[in-house]
Amino acid sequence: MGIPRFIKLPEYKRFSYSPRYWDPEKEKREERARKIKQEMGIDMPSAPSRTTITRGSFRQARRKTKVKAGRSSNIRLLIILAVLFLLAYLIFYR
């Protein structure tokens, strides 16, 4: 006669892995062909809002936002400096 178990022990979980084949060269060829067709006006994209995620696309997007942020901060700095010079001129030379 066995000892009754009041706590149910979990069974081990099975893991099934089915690898998928990915060909980066084929993806590059298709992307290049799509861009060439789009430049020539042969093929308009069916979903213009759809973007493809490629290697380095996040890095490029981050660089673009940094450049925009840098430009706007430089313009803001120039405006603040101009206002400060105007105030200094009005205070000291009047």
PDB file of N, CA and C in Angstrom:
ATOM      1  N   MET A   1       0.831  -1.158   0.000  1.00  0.00           N
ATOM      2  CA  MET A   1       0.000   0.000   0.000  1.00  0.00           C
ATOM      3  C   MET A   1       0.893   1.244   0.000  1.00  0.00           C
ATOM      4  N   GLY A   2       0.639   2.143  -0.973  1.00  0.00           N
ATOM      5  CA  GLY A   2       1.469   3.324  -1.120  1.00  0.00           C
ATOM      6  C   GLY A   2       0.997   4.486  -0.261  1.00  0.00           C
ATOM      7  N   ILE A   3       1.846   5.461  -0.138  1.00  0.00           N
ATOM      8  CA  ILE A   3       1.518   6.661   0.632  1.00  0.00           C
ATOM      9  C   ILE A   3       0.722   7.589  -0.280  1.00  0.00           C
ATOM     10  N   PRO A   4      -0.429   8.065   0.154  1.00  0.00           N
ATOM     11  CA  PRO A   4      -1.214   8.971  -0.699  1.00  0.00           C
ATOM     12  C   PRO A   4      -0.519  10.339  -0.804  1.00  0.00           C
ATOM     13  N   ARG A   5      -0.546  10.899  -1.996  1.00  0.00           N
ATOM     14  CA  ARG A   5       0.066  12.213  -2.216  1.00  0.00           C
ATOM     15  C   ARG A   5      -1.019  13.278  -2.193  1.00  0.00           C
ATOM     16  N   PHE A   6      -0.811  14.264  -1.368  1.00  0.00           N
ATOM     17  CA  PHE A   6      -1.774  15.363  -1.279  1.00  0.00           C
ATOM     18  C   PHE A   6      -1.371  16.508  -2.205  1.00  0.00           C
ATOM     19  N   ILE A   7      -0.121  16.571  -2.569  1.00  0.00           N
ATOM     20  CA  ILE A   7       0.379  17.614  -3.455  1.00  0.00           C
ATOM     21  C   ILE A   7       0.732  16.958  -4.785  1.00  0.00           C
ATOM     22  N   LYS A   8       0.139  17.495  -5.842  1.00  0.00           N
ATOM     23  CA  LYS A   8       0.417  16.947  -7.174  1.00  0.00           C
ATOM     24  C   LYS A   8       1.694  17.593  -7.713  1.00  0.00           C
ATOM     25  N   LEU A   9       2.652  16.787  -8.060  1.00  0.00           N
ATOM     26  CA  LEU A   9       3.898  17.281  -8.608  1.00  0.00           C
ATOM     27  C   LEU A   9       3.726  17.546 -10.102  1.00  0.00           C
ATOM     28  N   PRO A  10       4.282  18.650 -10.598  1.00  0.00           N
ATOM     29  CA  PRO A  10       4.138  18.959 -12.017  1.00  0.00           C
ATOM     30  C   PRO A  10       4.958  18.003 -12.879  1.00  0.00           C
ATOM     31  N   GLU A  11       4.417  17.702 -14.047  1.00  0.00           N
ATOM     32  CA  GLU A  11       5.153  16.867 -14.989  1.00  0.00           C
ATOM     33  C   GLU A  11       6.109  17.756 -15.781  1.00  0.00           C
ATOM     34  N   TYR A  12       7.113  17.147 -16.339  1.00  0.00           N
ATOM     35  CA  TYR A  12       8.057  17.927 -17.116  1.00  0.00           C
ATOM     36  C   TYR A  12       7.381  18.386 -18.408  1.00  0.00           C
ATOM     37  N   LYS A  13       7.798  19.552 -18.892  1.00  0.00           N
ATOM     38  CA  LYS A  13       7.189  20.114 -20.095  1.00  0.00           C
ATOM     39  C   LYS A  13       8.003  19.692 -21.309  1.00  0.00           C
ATOM     40  N   ARG A  14       7.288  19.307 -22.318  1.00  0.00           N
ATOM     41  CA  ARG A  14       7.946  18.913 -23.569  1.00  0.00           C
ATOM     42  C   ARG A  14       8.158  20.148 -24.441  1.00  0.00           C
ATOM     43  N   PHE A  15       9.243  20.132 -25.151  1.00  0.00           N
ATOM     44  CA  PHE A  15       9.587  21.245 -26.028  1.00  0.00           C
ATOM     45  C   PHE A  15       9.741  20.705 -27.437  1.00  0.00           C
ATOM     46  N   SER A  16       8.953  21.244 -28.341  1.00  0.00           N
ATOM     47  CA  SER A  16       9.084  20.813 -29.738  1.00  0.00           C
ATOM     48  C   SER A  16       9.604  22.003 -30.545  1.00  0.00           C
ATOM     49  N   TYR A  17      10.705  21.810 -31.179  1.00  0.00           N
ATOM     50  CA  TYR A  17      11.348  22.860 -31.953  1.00  0.00           C
ATOM     51  C   TYR A  17      11.366  22.458 -33.408  1.00  0.00           C
ATOM     52  N   SER A  18      10.759  23.305 -34.234  1.00  0.00           N
ATOM     53  CA  SER A  18      10.810  23.057 -35.673  1.00  0.00           C
ATOM     54  C   SER A  18      11.497  24.260 -36.310  1.00  0.00           C
ATOM     55  N   PRO A  19      12.757  24.124 -36.729  1.00  0.00           N
ATOM     56  CA  PRO A  19      13.503  25.265 -37.274  1.00  0.00           C
ATOM     57  C   PRO A  19      12.925  25.719 -38.613  1.00  0.00           C
ATOM     58  N   ARG A  20      13.030  27.019 -38.842  1.00  0.00           N
ATOM     59  CA  ARG A  20      12.590  27.607 -40.105  1.00  0.00           C
ATOM     60  C   ARG A  20      13.829  28.065 -40.861  1.00  0.00           C
ATOM     61  N   TYR A  21      13.785  27.940 -42.168  1.00  0.00           N
ATOM     62  CA  TYR A  21      14.915  28.351 -42.984  1.00  0.00           C
ATOM     63  C   TYR A  21      14.740  29.808 -43.381  1.00  0.00           C
ATOM     64  N   TRP A  22      15.773  30.590 -43.221  1.00  0.00           N
ATOM     65  CA  TRP A  22      15.764  32.003 -43.589  1.00  0.00           C
ATOM     66  C   TRP A  22      16.969  32.282 -44.464  1.00  0.00           C
ATOM     67  N   ASP A  23      16.716  32.862 -45.619  1.00  0.00           N
ATOM     68  CA  ASP A  23      17.784  33.163 -46.560  1.00  0.00           C
ATOM     69  C   ASP A  23      17.954  34.681 -46.642  1.00  0.00           C
ATOM     70  N   PRO A  24      18.964  35.244 -45.990  1.00  0.00           N
ATOM     71  CA  PRO A  24      19.123  36.702 -46.022  1.00  0.00           C
ATOM     72  C   PRO A  24      19.456  37.233 -47.416  1.00  0.00           C
ATOM     73  N   GLU A  25      20.164  36.464 -48.226  1.00  0.00           N
ATOM     74  CA  GLU A  25      20.504  36.903 -49.581  1.00  0.00           C
ATOM     75  C   GLU A  25      19.239  37.047 -50.431  1.00  0.00           C
ATOM     76  N   LYS A  26      18.330  36.092 -50.304  1.00  0.00           N
ATOM     77  CA  LYS A  26      17.082  36.161 -51.061  1.00  0.00           C
ATOM     78  C   LYS A  26      16.277  37.382 -50.630  1.00  0.00           C
ATOM     79  N   GLU A  27      16.259  37.671 -49.338  1.00  0.00           N
ATOM     80  CA  GLU A  27      15.533  38.830 -48.838  1.00  0.00           C
ATOM     81  C   GLU A  27      16.133  40.120 -49.385  1.00  0.00           C
ATOM     82  N   LYS A  28      17.474  40.198 -49.443  1.00  0.00           N
ATOM     83  CA  LYS A  28      18.124  41.382 -50.001  1.00  0.00           C
ATOM     84  C   LYS A  28      17.787  41.553 -51.478  1.00  0.00           C
ATOM     85  N   ARG A  29      17.805  40.427 -52.240  1.00  0.00           N
ATOM     86  CA  ARG A  29      17.470  40.504 -53.668  1.00  0.00           C
ATOM     87  C   ARG A  29      16.047  40.996 -53.869  1.00  0.00           C
ATOM     88  N   GLU A  30      15.113  40.454 -53.101  1.00  0.00           N
ATOM     89  CA  GLU A  30      13.712  40.859 -53.246  1.00  0.00           C
ATOM     90  C   GLU A  30      13.517  42.327 -52.877  1.00  0.00           C
ATOM     91  N   GLU A  31      14.181  42.772 -51.836  1.00  0.00           N
ATOM     92  CA  GLU A  31      14.068  44.173 -51.425  1.00  0.00           C
ATOM     93  C   GLU A  31      14.661  45.095 -52.483  1.00  0.00           C
ATOM     94  N   ARG A  32      15.807  44.703 -53.055  1.00  0.00           N
ATOM     95  CA  ARG A  32      16.432  45.498 -54.106  1.00  0.00           C
ATOM     96  C   ARG A  32      15.530  45.573 -55.342  1.00  0.00           C
ATOM     97  N   ALA A  33      14.948  44.447 -55.724  1.00  0.00           N
ATOM     98  CA  ALA A  33      14.056  44.424 -56.883  1.00  0.00           C
ATOM     99  C   ALA A  33      12.816  45.268 -56.628  1.00  0.00           C
ATOM    100  N   ARG A  34      12.285  45.230 -55.410  1.00  0.00           N
ATOM    101  CA  ARG A  34      11.101  46.020 -55.085  1.00  0.00           C
ATOM    102  C   ARG A  34      11.409  47.509 -55.164  1.00  0.00           C
ATOM    103  N   LYS A  35      12.608  47.909 -54.657  1.00  0.00           N
ATOM    104  CA  LYS A  35      12.978  49.322 -54.707  1.00  0.00           C
ATOM    105  C   LYS A  35      13.178  49.799 -56.132  1.00  0.00           C
ATOM    106  N   ILE A  36      13.796  48.961 -56.966  1.00  0.00           N
ATOM    107  CA  ILE A  36      14.022  49.336 -58.362  1.00  0.00           C
ATOM    108  C   ILE A  36      12.697  49.484 -59.088  1.00  0.00           C
ATOM    109  N   LYS A  37      11.785  48.546 -58.875  1.00  0.00           N
ATOM    110  CA  LYS A  37      10.467  48.638 -59.503  1.00  0.00           C
ATOM    111  C   LYS A  37       9.718  49.868 -59.032  1.00  0.00           C
ATOM    112  N   GLN A  38       9.854  50.205 -57.777  1.00  0.00           N
ATOM    113  CA  GLN A  38       9.164  51.378 -57.247  1.00  0.00           C
ATOM    114  C   GLN A  38       9.751  52.655 -57.842  1.00  0.00           C
ATOM    115  N   GLU A  39      11.078  52.709 -58.013  1.00  0.00           N
ATOM    116  CA  GLU A  39      11.707  53.885 -58.617  1.00  0.00           C
ATOM    117  C   GLU A  39      11.294  54.054 -60.072  1.00  0.00           C
ATOM    118  N   MET A  40      11.150  52.928 -60.789  1.00  0.00           N
ATOM    119  CA  MET A  40      10.778  52.997 -62.191  1.00  0.00           C
ATOM    120  C   MET A  40       9.277  53.225 -62.365  1.00  0.00           C
ATOM    121  N   GLY A  41       8.517  53.063 -61.293  1.00  0.00           N
ATOM    122  CA  GLY A  41       7.081  53.277 -61.372  1.00  0.00           C
ATOM    123  C   GLY A  41       6.334  52.068 -61.897  1.00  0.00           C
ATOM    124  N   ILE A  42       6.978  50.932 -61.984  1.00  0.00           N
ATOM    125  CA  ILE A  42       6.339  49.721 -62.490  1.00  0.00           C
ATOM    126  C   ILE A  42       5.370  49.152 -61.482  1.00  0.00           C
ATOM    127  N   ASP A  43       5.810  49.065 -60.282  1.00  0.00           N
ATOM    128  CA  ASP A  43       5.010  48.394 -59.260  1.00  0.00           C
ATOM    129  C   ASP A  43       4.800  49.333 -58.087  1.00  0.00           C
ATOM    130  N   MET A  44       3.570  49.673 -57.820  1.00  0.00           N
ATOM    131  CA  MET A  44       3.265  50.469 -56.640  1.00  0.00           C
ATOM    132  C   MET A  44       3.026  49.511 -55.478  1.00  0.00           C
ATOM    133  N   PRO A  45       3.522  49.836 -54.310  1.00  0.00           N
ATOM    134  CA  PRO A  45       3.327  48.921 -53.177  1.00  0.00           C
ATOM    135  C   PRO A  45       1.853  48.792 -52.811  1.00  0.00           C
ATOM    136  N   SER A  46       1.449  47.579 -52.485  1.00  0.00           N
ATOM    137  CA  SER A  46       0.042  47.342 -52.170  1.00  0.00           C
ATOM    138  C   SER A  46      -0.326  47.919 -50.818  1.00  0.00           C
ATOM    139  N   ALA A  47       0.600  47.921 -49.886  1.00  0.00           N
ATOM    140  CA  ALA A  47       0.349  48.475 -48.565  1.00  0.00           C
ATOM    141  C   ALA A  47       1.401  49.551 -48.286  1.00  0.00           C
ATOM    142  N   PRO A  48       1.120  50.828 -48.590  1.00  0.00           N
ATOM    143  CA  PRO A  48       2.140  51.856 -48.420  1.00  0.00           C
ATOM    144  C   PRO A  48       2.513  52.109 -46.968  1.00  0.00           C
ATOM    145  N   SER A  49       1.623  51.791 -46.039  1.00  0.00           N
ATOM    146  CA  SER A  49       1.950  52.031 -44.636  1.00  0.00           C
ATOM    147  C   SER A  49       2.801  50.909 -44.052  1.00  0.00           C
ATOM    148  N   ARG A  50       2.942  49.809 -44.752  1.00  0.00           N
ATOM    149  CA  ARG A  50       3.706  48.680 -44.245  1.00  0.00           C
ATOM    150  C   ARG A  50       5.196  48.916 -44.481  1.00  0.00           C
ATOM    151  N   THR A  51       5.969  48.777 -43.449  1.00  0.00           N
ATOM    152  CA  THR A  51       7.409  48.918 -43.573  1.00  0.00           C
ATOM    153  C   THR A  51       8.067  47.591 -43.251  1.00  0.00           C
ATOM    154  N   THR A  52       9.190  47.354 -43.875  1.00  0.00           N
ATOM    155  CA  THR A  52       9.902  46.117 -43.608  1.00  0.00           C
ATOM    156  C   THR A  52      11.007  46.400 -42.609  1.00  0.00           C
ATOM    157  N   ILE A  53      11.219  45.470 -41.741  1.00  0.00           N
ATOM    158  CA  ILE A  53      12.282  45.595 -40.756  1.00  0.00           C
ATOM    159  C   ILE A  53      13.490  44.841 -41.295  1.00  0.00           C
ATOM    160  N   THR A  54      14.537  45.583 -41.547  1.00  0.00           N
ATOM    161  CA  THR A  54      15.753  44.984 -42.071  1.00  0.00           C
ATOM    162  C   THR A  54      16.887  45.222 -41.094  1.00  0.00           C
ATOM    163  N   ARG A  55      17.994  44.619 -41.374  1.00  0.00           N
ATOM    164  CA  ARG A  55      19.151  44.765 -40.496  1.00  0.00           C
ATOM    165  C   ARG A  55      19.623  46.215 -40.510  1.00  0.00           C
ATOM    166  N   GLY A  56      19.681  46.821 -39.363  1.00  0.00           N
ATOM    167  CA  GLY A  56      20.143  48.194 -39.246  1.00  0.00           C
ATOM    168  C   GLY A  56      19.049  49.235 -39.353  1.00  0.00           C
ATOM    169  N   SER A  57      17.790  48.834 -39.552  1.00  0.00           N
ATOM    170  CA  SER A  57      16.726  49.821 -39.713  1.00  0.00           C
ATOM    171  C   SER A  57      16.445  50.568 -38.418  1.00  0.00           C
ATOM    172  N   PHE A  58      16.569  49.913 -37.281  1.00  0.00           N
ATOM    173  CA  PHE A  58      16.353  50.592 -36.012  1.00  0.00           C
ATOM    174  C   PHE A  58      17.454  51.617 -35.766  1.00  0.00           C
ATOM    175  N   ARG A  59      18.664  51.265 -36.139  1.00  0.00           N
ATOM    176  CA  ARG A  59      19.788  52.179 -35.968  1.00  0.00           C
ATOM    177  C   ARG A  59      19.590  53.418 -36.842  1.00  0.00           C
ATOM    178  N   GLN A  60      19.141  53.215 -38.088  1.00  0.00           N
ATOM    179  CA  GLN A  60      18.916  54.346 -38.985  1.00  0.00           C
ATOM    180  C   GLN A  60      17.801  55.238 -38.464  1.00  0.00           C
ATOM    181  N   ALA A  61      16.740  54.656 -37.951  1.00  0.00           N
ATOM    182  CA  ALA A  61      15.634  55.443 -37.422  1.00  0.00           C
ATOM    183  C   ALA A  61      16.083  56.254 -36.211  1.00  0.00           C
ATOM    184  N   ARG A  62      16.925  55.660 -35.386  1.00  0.00           N
ATOM    185  CA  ARG A  62      17.421  56.365 -34.212  1.00  0.00           C
ATOM    186  C   ARG A  62      18.311  57.537 -34.618  1.00  0.00           C
ATOM    187  N   ARG A  63      19.115  57.342 -35.645  1.00  0.00           N
ATOM    188  CA  ARG A  63      19.961  58.438 -36.129  1.00  0.00           C
ATOM    189  C   ARG A  63      19.116  59.590 -36.658  1.00  0.00           C
ATOM    190  N   LYS A  64      18.044  59.264 -37.386  1.00  0.00           N
ATOM    191  CA  LYS A  64      17.179  60.313 -37.925  1.00  0.00           C
ATOM    192  C   LYS A  64      16.549  61.132 -36.811  1.00  0.00           C
ATOM    193  N   THR A  65      16.076  60.468 -35.766  1.00  0.00           N
ATOM    194  CA  THR A  65      15.455  61.204 -34.669  1.00  0.00           C
ATOM    195  C   THR A  65      16.486  62.035 -33.915  1.00  0.00           C
ATOM    196  N   LYS A  66      17.725  61.520 -33.797  1.00  0.00           N
ATOM    197  CA  LYS A  66      18.768  62.293 -33.130  1.00  0.00           C
ATOM    198  C   LYS A  66      19.089  63.555 -33.920  1.00  0.00           C
ATOM    199  N   VAL A  67      19.147  63.442 -35.255  1.00  0.00           N
ATOM    200  CA  VAL A  67      19.461  64.596 -36.093  1.00  0.00           C
ATOM    201  C   VAL A  67      18.354  65.634 -35.964  1.00  0.00           C
ATOM    202  N   LYS A  68      17.102  65.195 -35.994  1.00  0.00           N
ATOM    203  CA  LYS A  68      15.987  66.134 -35.856  1.00  0.00           C
ATOM    204  C   LYS A  68      16.005  66.803 -34.492  1.00  0.00           C
ATOM    205  N   ALA A  69      16.271  66.030 -33.450  1.00  0.00           N
ATOM    206  CA  ALA A  69      16.317  66.589 -32.105  1.00  0.00           C
ATOM    207  C   ALA A  69      17.484  67.556 -31.974  1.00  0.00           C
ATOM    208  N   GLY A  70      18.606  67.238 -32.590  1.00  0.00           N
ATOM    209  CA  GLY A  70      19.771  68.117 -32.534  1.00  0.00           C
ATOM    210  C   GLY A  70      19.509  69.437 -33.236  1.00  0.00           C
ATOM    211  N   ARG A  71      18.840  69.386 -34.373  1.00  0.00           N
ATOM    212  CA  ARG A  71      18.520  70.612 -35.099  1.00  0.00           C
ATOM    213  C   ARG A  71      17.585  71.493 -34.293  1.00  0.00           C
ATOM    214  N   SER A  72      16.550  70.893 -33.734  1.00  0.00           N
ATOM    215  CA  SER A  72      15.586  71.700 -32.997  1.00  0.00           C
ATOM    216  C   SER A  72      16.215  72.291 -31.740  1.00  0.00           C
ATOM    217  N   SER A  73      17.103  71.541 -31.086  1.00  0.00           N
ATOM    218  CA  SER A  73      17.754  72.091 -29.892  1.00  0.00           C
ATOM    219  C   SER A  73      18.719  73.207 -30.269  1.00  0.00           C
ATOM    220  N   ASN A  74      19.374  73.110 -31.416  1.00  0.00           N
ATOM    221  CA  ASN A  74      20.273  74.181 -31.856  1.00  0.00           C
ATOM    222  C   ASN A  74      19.492  75.449 -32.170  1.00  0.00           C
ATOM    223  N   ILE A  75      18.359  75.310 -32.822  1.00  0.00           N
ATOM    224  CA  ILE A  75      17.531  76.478 -33.138  1.00  0.00           C
ATOM    225  C   ILE A  75      17.021  77.119 -31.855  1.00  0.00           C
ATOM    226  N   ARG A  76      16.589  76.310 -30.921  1.00  0.00           N
ATOM    227  CA  ARG A  76      16.103  76.819 -29.638  1.00  0.00           C
ATOM    228  C   ARG A  76      17.215  77.560 -28.904  1.00  0.00           C
ATOM    229  N   LEU A  77      18.424  77.027 -28.939  1.00  0.00           N
ATOM    230  CA  LEU A  77      19.560  77.670 -28.287  1.00  0.00           C
ATOM    231  C   LEU A  77      19.862  79.024 -28.930  1.00  0.00           C
ATOM    232  N   LEU A  78      19.813  79.102 -30.250  1.00  0.00           N
ATOM    233  CA  LEU A  78      20.063  80.373 -30.937  1.00  0.00           C
ATOM    234  C   LEU A  78      19.017  81.416 -30.582  1.00  0.00           C
ATOM    235  N   ILE A  79      17.767  81.009 -30.494  1.00  0.00           N
ATOM    236  CA  ILE A  79      16.697  81.946 -30.139  1.00  0.00           C
ATOM    237  C   ILE A  79      16.891  82.462 -28.714  1.00  0.00           C
ATOM    238  N   ILE A  80      17.228  81.559 -27.792  1.00  0.00           N
ATOM    239  CA  ILE A  80      17.446  81.975 -26.407  1.00  0.00           C
ATOM    240  C   ILE A  80      18.631  82.933 -26.311  1.00  0.00           C
ATOM    241  N   LEU A  81      19.714  82.635 -27.019  1.00  0.00           N
ATOM    242  CA  LEU A  81      20.871  83.531 -27.011  1.00  0.00           C
ATOM    243  C   LEU A  81      20.537  84.895 -27.592  1.00  0.00           C
ATOM    244  N   ALA A  82      19.757  84.925 -28.665  1.00  0.00           N
ATOM    245  CA  ALA A  82      19.373  86.196 -29.274  1.00  0.00           C
ATOM    246  C   ALA A  82      18.539  87.023 -28.295  1.00  0.00           C
ATOM    247  N   VAL A  83      17.617  86.395 -27.602  1.00  0.00           N
ATOM    248  CA  VAL A  83      16.791  87.114 -26.631  1.00  0.00           C
ATOM    249  C   VAL A  83      17.656  87.631 -25.478  1.00  0.00           C
ATOM    250  N   LEU A  84      18.586  86.801 -25.008  1.00  0.00           N
ATOM    251  CA  LEU A  84      19.461  87.238 -23.918  1.00  0.00           C
ATOM    252  C   LEU A  84      20.353  88.406 -24.341  1.00  0.00           C
ATOM    253  N   PHE A  85      20.901  88.360 -25.570  1.00  0.00           N
ATOM    254  CA  PHE A  85      21.715  89.480 -26.048  1.00  0.00           C
ATOM    255  C   PHE A  85      20.872  90.745 -26.200  1.00  0.00           C
ATOM    256  N   LEU A  86      19.648  90.603 -26.641  1.00  0.00           N
ATOM    257  CA  LEU A  86      18.759  91.758 -26.774  1.00  0.00           C
ATOM    258  C   LEU A  86      18.457  92.348 -25.405  1.00  0.00           C
ATOM    259  N   LEU A  87      18.177  91.509 -24.427  1.00  0.00           N
ATOM    260  CA  LEU A  87      17.926  92.009 -23.073  1.00  0.00           C
ATOM    261  C   LEU A  87      19.163  92.669 -22.478  1.00  0.00           C
ATOM    262  N   ALA A  88      20.326  92.078 -22.679  1.00  0.00           N
ATOM    263  CA  ALA A  88      21.566  92.662 -22.173  1.00  0.00           C
ATOM    264  C   ALA A  88      21.835  94.008 -22.832  1.00  0.00           C
ATOM    265  N   TYR A  89      21.577  94.107 -24.106  1.00  0.00           N
ATOM    266  CA  TYR A  89      21.765  95.377 -24.822  1.00  0.00           C
ATOM    267  C   TYR A  89      20.833  96.444 -24.265  1.00  0.00           C
ATOM    268  N   LEU A  90      19.568  96.069 -24.054  1.00  0.00           N
ATOM    269  CA  LEU A  90      18.596  97.038 -23.540  1.00  0.00           C
ATOM    270  C   LEU A  90      18.938  97.466 -22.114  1.00  0.00           C
ATOM    271  N   ILE A  91      19.447  96.555 -21.309  1.00  0.00           N
ATOM    272  CA  ILE A  91      19.755  96.901 -19.922  1.00  0.00           C
ATOM    273  C   ILE A  91      21.013  97.755 -19.821  1.00  0.00           C
ATOM    274  N   PHE A  92      22.083  97.415 -20.524  1.00  0.00           N
ATOM    275  CA  PHE A  92      23.350  98.102 -20.361  1.00  0.00           C
ATOM    276  C   PHE A  92      23.495  99.363 -21.203  1.00  0.00           C
ATOM    277  N   TYR A  93      22.836  99.456 -22.338  1.00  0.00           N
ATOM    278  CA  TYR A  93      23.044 100.605 -23.230  1.00  0.00           C
ATOM    279  C   TYR A  93      21.861 101.536 -23.279  1.00  0.00           C
ATOM    280  N   ARG A  94      20.974 101.507 -22.316  1.00  0.00           N
ATOM    281  CA  ARG A  94      19.879 102.468 -22.254  1.00  0.00           C
ATOM    282  C   ARG A  94      19.931 103.256 -20.996  1.00  0.00           C
TER     283      ARG A  94
END
